[in-house]
Amino acid sequence: MTTFEAAYRQAETMRASGATRDMLLDRAEGFDAAWQFSSAAAFRAVAGPAEASA
């Protein structure tokens, strides 16, 4: 399993446990700060795009 796959599974678990998009993006920023870019990308993928405001 790659680092991305492991982080993606972790992010999916967090999402299923009630984590908000903002919480996932905060976690991604932490990974960026630690130079763990594939983990950050996985969390952003699970967080999904920002919802369009009306």
C-alpha atoms as a PDB file:
ATOM      1  CA  MET A   1       0.000   0.000   0.000  1.00  0.00           C
ATOM      2  CA  THR A   2       1.322   3.415  -0.912  1.00  0.00           C
ATOM      3  CA  THR A   3       1.433   6.420   1.398  1.00  0.00           C
ATOM      4  CA  PHE A   4      -1.367   7.994  -0.633  1.00  0.00           C
ATOM      5  CA  GLU A   5      -3.578   4.910  -0.279  1.00  0.00           C
ATOM      6  CA  ALA A   6      -3.010   4.701   3.472  1.00  0.00           C
ATOM      7  CA  ALA A   7      -3.774   8.387   3.965  1.00  0.00           C
ATOM      8  CA  TYR A   8      -6.836   8.135   1.712  1.00  0.00           C
ATOM      9  CA  ARG A   9      -8.220   5.304   3.841  1.00  0.00           C
ATOM     10  CA  GLN A  10      -7.529   7.301   6.991  1.00  0.00           C
ATOM     11  CA  ALA A  11      -9.314  10.326   5.541  1.00  0.00           C
ATOM     12  CA  GLU A  12     -12.299   8.204   4.476  1.00  0.00           C
ATOM     13  CA  THR A  13     -12.505   6.804   8.003  1.00  0.00           C
ATOM     14  CA  MET A  14     -12.438  10.298   9.444  1.00  0.00           C
ATOM     15  CA  ARG A  15     -15.152  11.429   7.003  1.00  0.00           C
ATOM     16  CA  ALA A  16     -17.324   8.426   7.953  1.00  0.00           C
ATOM     17  CA  SER A  17     -16.839   9.343  11.617  1.00  0.00           C
ATOM     18  CA  GLY A  18     -18.220  12.824  11.026  1.00  0.00           C
ATOM     19  CA  ALA A  19     -15.182  14.907  10.077  1.00  0.00           C
ATOM     20  CA  THR A  20     -16.123  18.014   8.128  1.00  0.00           C
ATOM     21  CA  ARG A  21     -14.469  19.182   4.918  1.00  0.00           C
ATOM     22  CA  ASP A  22     -12.691  21.909   6.888  1.00  0.00           C
ATOM     23  CA  MET A  23     -11.311  19.355   9.321  1.00  0.00           C
ATOM     24  CA  LEU A  24      -9.918  17.274   6.451  1.00  0.00           C
ATOM     25  CA  LEU A  25      -8.392  20.343   4.808  1.00  0.00           C
ATOM     26  CA  ASP A  26      -6.790  21.387   8.111  1.00  0.00           C
ATOM     27  CA  ARG A  27      -5.231  17.936   8.318  1.00  0.00           C
ATOM     28  CA  ALA A  28      -3.988  18.299   4.721  1.00  0.00           C
ATOM     29  CA  GLU A  29      -2.321  21.601   5.616  1.00  0.00           C
ATOM     30  CA  GLY A  30      -0.538  19.862   8.468  1.00  0.00           C
ATOM     31  CA  PHE A  31       0.788  17.233   6.083  1.00  0.00           C
ATOM     32  CA  ASP A  32       1.960  19.979   3.701  1.00  0.00           C
ATOM     33  CA  ALA A  33       3.847  21.640   6.551  1.00  0.00           C
ATOM     34  CA  ALA A  34       5.570  18.330   7.267  1.00  0.00           C
ATOM     35  CA  TRP A  35       6.427  17.841   3.566  1.00  0.00           C
ATOM     36  CA  GLN A  36       4.125  14.813   3.348  1.00  0.00           C
ATOM     37  CA  PHE A  37       2.558  15.876   0.081  1.00  0.00           C
ATOM     38  CA  SER A  38       0.996  12.560  -0.966  1.00  0.00           C
ATOM     39  CA  SER A  39      -0.862  12.366   2.357  1.00  0.00           C
ATOM     40  CA  ALA A  40      -2.027  15.958   1.922  1.00  0.00           C
ATOM     41  CA  ALA A  41      -3.282  15.141  -1.576  1.00  0.00           C
ATOM     42  CA  ALA A  42      -5.236  12.160  -0.258  1.00  0.00           C
ATOM     43  CA  PHE A  43      -6.994  14.249   2.381  1.00  0.00           C
ATOM     44  CA  ARG A  44      -7.855  16.896  -0.208  1.00  0.00           C
ATOM     45  CA  ALA A  45      -9.264  14.203  -2.509  1.00  0.00           C
ATOM     46  CA  VAL A  46     -11.583  12.926   0.227  1.00  0.00           C
ATOM     47  CA  ALA A  47     -12.533  16.470   1.246  1.00  0.00           C
ATOM     48  CA  GLY A  48     -13.702  17.126  -2.300  1.00  0.00           C
ATOM     49  CA  PRO A  49     -14.296  20.424  -4.033  1.00  0.00           C
ATOM     50  CA  ALA A  50     -15.739  23.441  -2.315  1.00  0.00           C
ATOM     51  CA  GLU A  51     -19.484  23.675  -2.630  1.00  0.00           C
ATOM     52  CA  ALA A  52     -20.632  26.397  -4.986  1.00  0.00           C
ATOM     53  CA  SER A  53     -22.345  29.219  -3.170  1.00  0.00           C
ATOM     54  CA  ALA A  54     -25.658  30.410  -4.574  1.00  0.00           C
END
